[in-house]
Protein backbone atom coordinates (compact mmCIF):
# COMPACT_ATOMS: atom_id res chain seq x y z
CA MET A 1 -114.16 121.83 -91.08
CA ARG A 2 -115.27 124.46 -93.62
CA ASP A 3 -118.07 125.48 -91.29
CA ILE A 4 -115.62 125.94 -88.42
CA PHE A 5 -113.35 128.11 -90.55
CA ARG A 6 -116.32 130.09 -91.84
CA LYS A 7 -117.51 130.82 -88.30
CA LEU A 8 -114.02 131.85 -87.15
CA ASN A 9 -113.52 134.14 -90.13
CA ALA A 10 -116.98 135.63 -89.73
CA SER A 11 -116.26 136.37 -86.08
CA ARG A 12 -113.07 138.15 -87.12
CA ARG A 13 -114.94 140.30 -89.65
CA ASN A 14 -117.65 141.17 -87.13
CA LEU A 15 -115.06 142.14 -84.55
CA GLY A 16 -112.96 144.13 -86.99
CA TYR A 17 -114.33 147.50 -85.92
CA LEU A 18 -113.00 147.01 -82.39
CA SER A 19 -109.69 148.59 -81.44
CA CYS A 20 -109.90 148.72 -77.66
CA GLY A 21 -112.08 147.32 -74.93
CA THR A 22 -111.50 143.81 -76.29
CA GLY A 23 -109.94 142.38 -73.14
CA ASN A 24 -106.51 142.33 -74.76
CA PRO A 25 -104.53 144.16 -72.05
CA ILE A 26 -101.86 145.47 -74.45
CA ASP A 27 -104.28 146.95 -76.96
CA ASP A 28 -106.65 148.26 -74.31
CA CYS A 29 -103.68 150.16 -72.83
CA TRP A 30 -103.01 152.35 -75.90
CA ARG A 31 -105.34 151.75 -78.87
CA CYS A 32 -108.18 153.84 -77.42
CA ASP A 33 -106.00 156.96 -77.85
CA SER A 34 -106.73 158.76 -81.14
CA ASP A 35 -103.74 161.03 -80.48
CA TRP A 36 -101.29 158.11 -80.53
CA THR A 37 -98.96 159.98 -82.91
CA ASN A 38 -98.13 162.45 -80.14
CA ASN A 39 -98.11 159.78 -77.46
CA ARG A 40 -96.08 157.10 -79.23
CA GLN A 41 -93.86 156.31 -76.28
CA ARG A 42 -96.85 155.43 -74.15
CA LEU A 43 -96.67 152.06 -75.91
CA ALA A 44 -93.65 151.14 -73.76
CA ASP A 45 -95.91 151.20 -70.68
CA CYS A 46 -98.26 148.61 -72.21
CA ALA A 47 -96.06 145.50 -72.35
CA ILE A 48 -97.17 142.38 -70.50
CA GLY A 49 -95.62 139.04 -69.71
CA PHE A 50 -91.98 138.23 -69.20
CA GLY A 51 -90.92 141.06 -71.55
CA ARG A 52 -92.95 143.68 -69.69
CA ARG A 53 -89.84 145.59 -68.56
CA ALA A 54 -88.64 146.19 -72.13
CA THR A 55 -88.34 149.96 -72.36
CA GLY A 56 -87.05 150.18 -75.92
CA GLY A 57 -86.22 153.79 -76.70
CA ARG A 58 -88.56 155.28 -74.12
CA GLY A 59 -87.27 158.64 -72.90
CA GLY A 60 -85.06 159.07 -75.95
CA ARG A 61 -85.61 161.29 -78.94
CA VAL A 62 -87.75 160.32 -81.91
CA TYR A 63 -85.66 159.39 -84.95
CA VAL A 64 -87.41 159.55 -88.34
CA VAL A 65 -86.24 157.12 -91.02
CA THR A 66 -86.38 158.93 -94.37
CA ASP A 67 -84.19 156.66 -96.53
CA SER A 68 -85.13 153.05 -97.30
CA SER A 69 -81.72 152.11 -98.73
CA ASP A 70 -79.19 149.73 -97.18
CA ASP A 71 -76.27 150.19 -99.54
CA ASN A 72 -73.38 150.06 -97.07
CA PRO A 73 -73.86 148.01 -93.88
CA ALA A 74 -70.33 148.93 -92.73
CA ASN A 75 -70.97 152.67 -93.00
CA PRO A 76 -74.73 153.37 -93.08
CA ARG A 77 -76.05 156.76 -94.11
CA PRO A 78 -77.92 159.02 -91.68
CA GLY A 79 -81.64 158.73 -92.29
CA THR A 80 -81.55 154.96 -92.79
CA LEU A 81 -82.94 152.39 -90.39
CA ARG A 82 -79.50 150.80 -90.03
CA TYR A 83 -77.97 154.12 -88.99
CA ALA A 84 -80.67 154.56 -86.33
CA VAL A 85 -80.51 151.12 -84.72
CA ILE A 86 -76.74 151.17 -84.09
CA GLN A 87 -76.65 154.41 -82.08
CA HIS A 88 -75.70 154.25 -78.39
CA GLU A 89 -78.48 156.54 -77.15
CA PRO A 90 -82.11 155.46 -76.62
CA LEU A 91 -84.11 156.16 -79.79
CA TRP A 92 -87.77 155.81 -80.71
CA ILE A 93 -87.51 155.07 -84.44
CA ILE A 94 -90.42 155.90 -86.76
CA PHE A 95 -90.82 156.18 -90.55
CA LYS A 96 -91.59 159.25 -92.67
CA HIS A 97 -93.53 157.28 -95.29
CA ASP A 98 -94.25 153.78 -96.57
CA MET A 99 -91.12 151.89 -97.49
CA VAL A 100 -89.63 148.51 -98.31
CA ILE A 101 -86.21 148.05 -96.74
CA ALA A 102 -84.33 145.33 -98.62
CA LEU A 103 -81.42 144.51 -96.33
CA LYS A 104 -78.01 143.70 -97.77
CA GLN A 105 -76.90 142.14 -94.47
CA GLN A 106 -78.51 141.37 -91.11
CA LEU A 107 -79.73 144.46 -89.26
CA VAL A 108 -77.70 144.42 -86.04
CA MET A 109 -79.34 146.41 -83.25
CA ASN A 110 -77.92 148.30 -80.30
CA SER A 111 -79.66 148.48 -76.91
CA TYR A 112 -82.54 150.80 -75.99
CA LYS A 113 -84.25 151.02 -79.36
CA THR A 114 -87.88 150.94 -80.47
CA ILE A 115 -88.73 150.32 -84.12
CA ASP A 116 -92.28 151.69 -84.43
CA GLY A 117 -93.95 151.24 -87.81
CA ARG A 118 -97.29 152.82 -86.89
CA GLY A 119 -98.55 155.29 -89.48
CA ALA A 120 -96.59 153.80 -92.39
CA SER A 121 -96.48 150.48 -94.23
CA VAL A 122 -92.94 149.26 -93.52
CA HIS A 123 -91.58 146.01 -94.95
CA ILE A 124 -88.24 144.53 -93.91
CA THR A 125 -86.94 141.80 -96.17
CA GLY A 126 -83.79 140.42 -97.75
CA GLY A 127 -80.63 139.60 -95.81
CA GLY A 128 -80.75 138.63 -92.20
CA CYS A 129 -83.16 140.15 -91.13
CA ILE A 130 -83.30 141.72 -87.60
CA THR A 131 -80.51 140.61 -85.25
CA ILE A 132 -80.76 141.31 -81.51
CA HIS A 133 -77.38 140.09 -80.23
CA ASP A 134 -76.06 140.61 -76.68
CA VAL A 135 -78.18 143.72 -76.11
CA ASN A 136 -81.21 144.65 -74.03
CA ASN A 137 -84.39 146.70 -74.05
CA ILE A 138 -85.67 146.34 -77.60
CA ILE A 139 -89.25 146.88 -78.85
CA ILE A 140 -90.22 145.89 -82.40
CA HIS A 141 -93.74 147.03 -83.29
CA GLY A 142 -95.86 147.30 -86.41
CA ILE A 143 -93.47 145.98 -89.07
CA HIS A 144 -93.94 143.51 -91.94
CA ILE A 145 -91.02 141.04 -91.89
CA HIS A 146 -90.79 138.46 -94.64
CA ASP A 147 -88.62 136.63 -97.19
CA CYS A 148 -85.47 136.85 -95.05
CA LYS A 149 -82.50 134.83 -96.29
CA PRO A 150 -79.12 133.76 -94.90
CA VAL A 151 -76.34 136.26 -95.55
CA GLY A 152 -73.07 137.10 -93.88
CA ASN A 153 -69.31 136.79 -93.90
CA ALA A 154 -69.36 140.56 -94.16
CA MET A 155 -68.34 143.69 -92.30
CA ILE A 156 -71.31 145.20 -90.43
CA ARG A 157 -71.35 148.24 -88.17
CA ASP A 158 -73.03 147.51 -84.83
CA SER A 159 -72.33 150.83 -83.09
CA PRO A 160 -71.05 154.29 -84.11
CA ASN A 161 -67.50 153.34 -83.11
CA HIS A 162 -67.30 149.66 -84.03
CA VAL A 163 -67.53 147.66 -87.23
CA GLY A 164 -66.80 143.95 -87.24
CA HIS A 165 -66.98 140.75 -89.24
CA TRP A 166 -70.25 138.85 -88.92
CA GLY A 167 -70.60 135.25 -90.04
CA MET A 168 -73.55 133.73 -91.85
CA SER A 169 -76.99 134.47 -90.43
CA ASP A 170 -79.66 131.78 -90.14
CA GLY A 171 -82.16 133.68 -92.24
CA ASP A 172 -84.60 134.32 -89.37
CA GLY A 173 -87.10 137.15 -89.43
CA ILE A 174 -85.97 138.14 -85.93
CA THR A 175 -82.95 136.53 -84.24
CA ILE A 176 -82.57 137.05 -80.48
CA ARG A 177 -79.28 135.83 -78.99
CA GLY A 178 -77.93 136.43 -75.49
CA SER A 179 -80.37 139.32 -75.00
CA LYS A 180 -83.04 140.29 -72.50
CA HIS A 181 -86.03 142.61 -72.09
CA ILE A 182 -87.30 142.12 -75.63
CA TRP A 183 -90.84 142.77 -76.88
CA VAL A 184 -92.08 141.92 -80.40
CA ASP A 185 -95.64 143.18 -80.89
CA HIS A 186 -98.14 143.62 -83.74
CA CYS A 187 -95.80 142.48 -86.50
CA SER A 188 -96.75 140.41 -89.55
CA LEU A 189 -94.18 137.71 -90.30
CA ALA A 190 -94.00 135.17 -93.13
CA ASN A 191 -91.84 133.06 -95.39
CA CYS A 192 -88.32 133.31 -93.98
CA TYR A 193 -85.52 130.82 -94.53
CA ASP A 194 -85.26 129.51 -90.95
CA GLY A 195 -87.43 130.84 -88.10
CA LEU A 196 -89.80 133.76 -87.94
CA VAL A 197 -88.71 134.58 -84.36
CA ASP A 198 -85.91 132.58 -82.73
CA ALA A 199 -84.54 133.21 -79.22
CA THR A 200 -81.40 131.36 -78.10
CA LEU A 201 -78.14 131.53 -76.12
CA ALA A 202 -79.51 132.48 -72.68
CA SER A 203 -81.92 135.14 -73.92
CA THR A 204 -84.75 135.83 -71.47
CA SER A 205 -87.46 138.26 -70.37
CA ILE A 206 -89.17 138.14 -73.77
CA THR A 207 -92.74 138.76 -74.89
CA ILE A 208 -93.95 137.85 -78.39
CA SER A 209 -97.48 139.24 -78.71
CA ASN A 210 -100.21 140.27 -81.15
CA ASN A 211 -98.32 139.04 -84.19
CA TYR A 212 -99.81 137.46 -87.31
CA MET A 213 -97.68 134.61 -88.61
CA THR A 214 -98.31 132.80 -91.90
CA HIS A 215 -96.73 130.67 -94.66
CA HIS A 216 -93.74 129.26 -92.86
CA ASN A 217 -92.32 125.93 -91.71
CA LYS A 218 -90.33 126.33 -88.46
CA VAL A 219 -92.13 129.26 -86.90
CA MET A 220 -90.50 129.90 -83.51
CA LEU A 221 -87.52 128.31 -81.74
CA LEU A 222 -87.00 129.15 -78.06
CA GLY A 223 -83.77 127.57 -76.79
CA HIS A 224 -80.46 127.00 -78.52
CA SER A 225 -79.85 123.24 -78.24
CA ASP A 226 -80.56 120.34 -75.91
CA SER A 227 -77.00 120.61 -74.55
CA TYR A 228 -77.06 124.38 -73.98
CA VAL A 229 -78.19 124.30 -70.35
CA GLN A 230 -77.80 128.07 -69.88
CA ASP A 231 -81.25 128.33 -71.45
CA LYS A 232 -82.74 126.86 -68.26
CA GLU A 233 -83.31 130.44 -67.06
CA MET A 234 -85.15 131.49 -70.23
CA GLN A 235 -88.65 132.91 -69.70
CA VAL A 236 -90.81 133.75 -72.72
CA THR A 237 -94.44 134.82 -73.05
CA VAL A 238 -96.25 134.00 -76.31
CA ALA A 239 -99.59 135.81 -76.16
CA PHE A 240 -102.48 137.06 -78.35
CA ASN A 241 -100.83 135.92 -81.59
CA HIS A 242 -102.69 134.51 -84.59
CA PHE A 243 -100.93 131.48 -86.05
CA GLY A 244 -102.51 131.45 -89.48
CA GLU A 245 -102.46 129.78 -92.86
CA GLY A 246 -99.51 127.87 -94.24
CA LEU A 247 -97.76 127.13 -90.93
CA VAL A 248 -96.21 123.74 -90.28
CA GLN A 249 -94.62 123.48 -86.81
CA ARG A 250 -92.88 125.21 -83.85
CA MET A 251 -95.49 127.61 -82.49
CA PRO A 252 -93.26 127.51 -80.45
CA ARG A 253 -90.63 124.76 -80.05
CA CYS A 254 -89.09 125.11 -76.59
CA ARG A 255 -86.00 123.91 -74.72
CA HIS A 256 -85.03 123.96 -71.04
CA GLY A 257 -86.76 127.14 -69.85
CA TYR A 258 -90.20 128.44 -68.85
CA PHE A 259 -92.80 129.28 -71.48
CA HIS A 260 -96.25 130.80 -71.09
CA VAL A 261 -98.37 130.21 -74.21
CA VAL A 262 -101.52 132.17 -73.53
CA ASN A 263 -104.65 133.36 -75.39
CA ASN A 264 -103.32 132.66 -78.90
CA ASP A 265 -105.43 131.65 -81.87
CA TYR A 266 -104.17 128.59 -83.75
CA THR A 267 -106.08 128.13 -86.99
CA HIS A 268 -103.47 126.16 -88.97
CA TRP A 269 -100.71 123.63 -88.44
CA GLU A 270 -99.48 120.83 -90.67
CA MET A 271 -97.37 118.86 -88.14
CA TYR A 272 -98.00 120.18 -84.62
CA ALA A 273 -98.47 123.49 -82.78
CA VAL A 274 -96.50 123.44 -79.52
CA GLY A 275 -93.46 121.24 -78.94
CA GLY A 276 -90.09 120.97 -77.32
CA SER A 277 -87.22 118.95 -75.95
CA ALA A 278 -84.78 118.99 -73.02
CA SER A 279 -87.50 119.21 -70.36
CA PRO A 280 -88.95 122.71 -70.85
CA THR A 281 -91.86 123.87 -68.70
CA ILE A 282 -94.76 124.78 -71.01
CA TYR A 283 -97.92 126.33 -69.57
CA SER A 284 -100.60 126.52 -72.27
CA GLU A 285 -103.50 128.60 -71.09
CA GLY A 286 -106.67 129.94 -72.69
CA ASN A 287 -105.66 129.27 -76.30
CA ARG A 288 -107.93 128.27 -79.17
CA PHE A 289 -106.61 125.26 -81.11
CA LEU A 290 -108.27 124.32 -84.40
CA ALA A 291 -106.86 120.99 -85.61
CA PRO A 292 -106.43 120.17 -89.31
CA ASN A 293 -108.69 117.61 -90.95
CA ASP A 294 -105.88 115.03 -91.18
CA SER A 295 -106.64 112.45 -88.47
CA ASN A 296 -102.90 112.00 -87.88
CA LYS A 297 -102.34 115.68 -87.08
CA LYS A 298 -104.85 116.31 -84.32
CA GLU A 299 -102.31 116.46 -81.48
CA VAL A 300 -101.33 120.00 -80.50
CA THR A 301 -98.10 118.85 -78.86
CA LYS A 302 -94.91 117.13 -79.90
CA HIS A 303 -92.30 115.82 -77.47
CA GLU A 304 -89.07 115.92 -79.45
CA ASP A 305 -86.00 113.69 -79.32
CA ALA A 306 -86.97 111.64 -76.28
CA SER A 307 -88.68 108.39 -75.34
CA GLU A 308 -92.00 108.46 -73.55
CA SER A 309 -90.31 107.29 -70.35
CA GLU A 310 -88.31 110.53 -70.46
CA TRP A 311 -90.81 113.10 -71.70
CA MET A 312 -93.57 111.91 -69.37
CA HIS A 313 -91.65 113.79 -66.65
CA TRP A 314 -91.55 117.10 -68.55
CA ASN A 315 -93.95 119.69 -67.13
CA TRP A 316 -96.44 120.48 -69.90
CA LYS A 317 -99.86 121.68 -68.83
CA SER A 318 -103.01 122.77 -70.66
CA GLU A 319 -105.52 124.84 -68.73
CA GLY A 320 -108.65 126.42 -70.18
CA ASP A 321 -107.65 125.75 -73.79
CA LEU A 322 -110.42 125.42 -76.37
CA MET A 323 -109.92 122.32 -78.53
CA LEU A 324 -111.70 122.29 -81.90
CA ASN A 325 -112.01 119.69 -84.67
CA GLY A 326 -110.52 116.93 -82.53
CA ALA A 327 -107.47 118.84 -81.27
CA TYR A 328 -105.89 117.46 -78.10
CA PHE A 329 -102.98 118.43 -75.85
CA ARG A 330 -100.85 115.64 -74.37
CA GLN A 331 -100.01 116.75 -70.84
CA SER A 332 -97.04 115.43 -68.91
CA GLY A 333 -95.12 115.85 -65.67
CA ALA A 334 -96.13 116.17 -62.05
CA GLY A 335 -96.37 119.95 -62.36
CA ALA A 336 -95.44 121.41 -58.99
CA VAL A 337 -97.14 124.72 -58.30
CA SER A 338 -93.78 126.46 -57.96
CA THR A 339 -92.69 125.16 -61.38
CA TYR A 340 -95.72 126.56 -63.18
CA ALA A 341 -95.43 129.79 -61.20
CA ARG A 342 -92.14 130.39 -63.04
CA ALA A 343 -93.97 129.81 -66.32
CA SER A 344 -96.90 132.11 -65.53
CA SER A 345 -96.58 135.72 -66.65
CA LEU A 346 -100.08 137.23 -66.85
CA SER A 347 -103.68 136.40 -66.10
CA ALA A 348 -105.23 134.48 -68.97
CA ARG A 349 -108.66 135.43 -70.27
CA PRO A 350 -111.25 132.74 -71.14
CA SER A 351 -110.54 131.00 -74.42
CA HIS A 352 -113.94 131.94 -75.89
CA LEU A 353 -112.67 135.55 -75.97
CA VAL A 354 -109.63 134.71 -78.11
CA GLY A 355 -111.37 135.88 -81.30
CA SER A 356 -111.93 139.42 -80.01
CA MET A 357 -108.48 139.59 -78.40
CA THR A 358 -106.59 138.53 -81.54
CA VAL A 359 -108.72 140.11 -84.28
CA GLY A 360 -106.12 142.87 -84.66
CA ALA A 361 -103.08 140.57 -84.68
CA GLY A 362 -100.36 141.68 -87.05
CA VAL A 363 -99.58 145.13 -88.43
CA LEU A 364 -102.34 147.66 -87.73
CA ASP A 365 -103.64 150.29 -90.13
CA CYS A 366 -102.93 153.37 -88.06
CA LYS A 367 -104.03 156.80 -89.36
CA LYS A 368 -103.10 160.08 -87.75
CA GLY A 369 -105.99 161.53 -85.77
CA SER A 370 -107.89 158.28 -85.30
CA ARG A 371 -107.55 155.12 -83.28
CA CYS A 372 -105.39 152.34 -84.66
């Protein structure tokens, strides 16, 4: 096992100089450009998967966050991140300098916003954290999100002309509810109270890509509950992420909808990697799964809350996955071509290329005048 880890880590170090030309279609779209600071909005043309139509703040003005405070969620000051994300107009939000934004309450976003952390080290932590609720066209890129805790029962402004009472949050890093055209890319997420990224309540058209996730139990929930059948239309792409040290389960845990888990690198899990309930369609393609040493934890999959006579009909398929250290994927269902077509969102690359495609997962060190 140590040898396997040593080889994987060595491959990451050797590939570290690469920024483009890796076969990762998102990175190859924009990371070759050393003038990215003047071409920031080009990023919006680089999305793939089910969230590929997420425009974020493309076409809008650039808004520079200069103030890291979050003193008054009901009446945020201009210059703060909270002030920027609630505006009605499309905005491409960037940061003047490194900052840690310790949220007092969940950060409730309005539609057509991009949060772009490139060029600064931006940490979001504290209460909430990011809430994407009944909106559309959101891009979150290049942000550290960690140590988020449940808060609420407070007045929070969600637009320039409306402030309302919000109940308790779950303590997710990113909460997506009833929203569509969402893209979360190149973020580093860890150690939140509930999920790192959770999408529920009929959210769809989502891509979660190039993120580095560590030190967390319930990593990613996609689907509200077994009884919430509106999630049958959910489509989510999980691609090019590195699921790293200290993770336990739900990478992701799916319900009802259609999920493409493609070209991710799984180097740690303590219970299982990919699971679900309520008959989701899961298409696992071109991933690299490194099982833990524990002989009882080799299975990648977990069929939740159902007997084998039930889950054997769920459509779960592994194709081209690389299984290491005894990892195995328990497939199920008849798998009609049309069913998996609804769970296919991009062309997978061979699993032996996962190392080069995910070496830059997480927040990038982007310097003005050079490639990220």
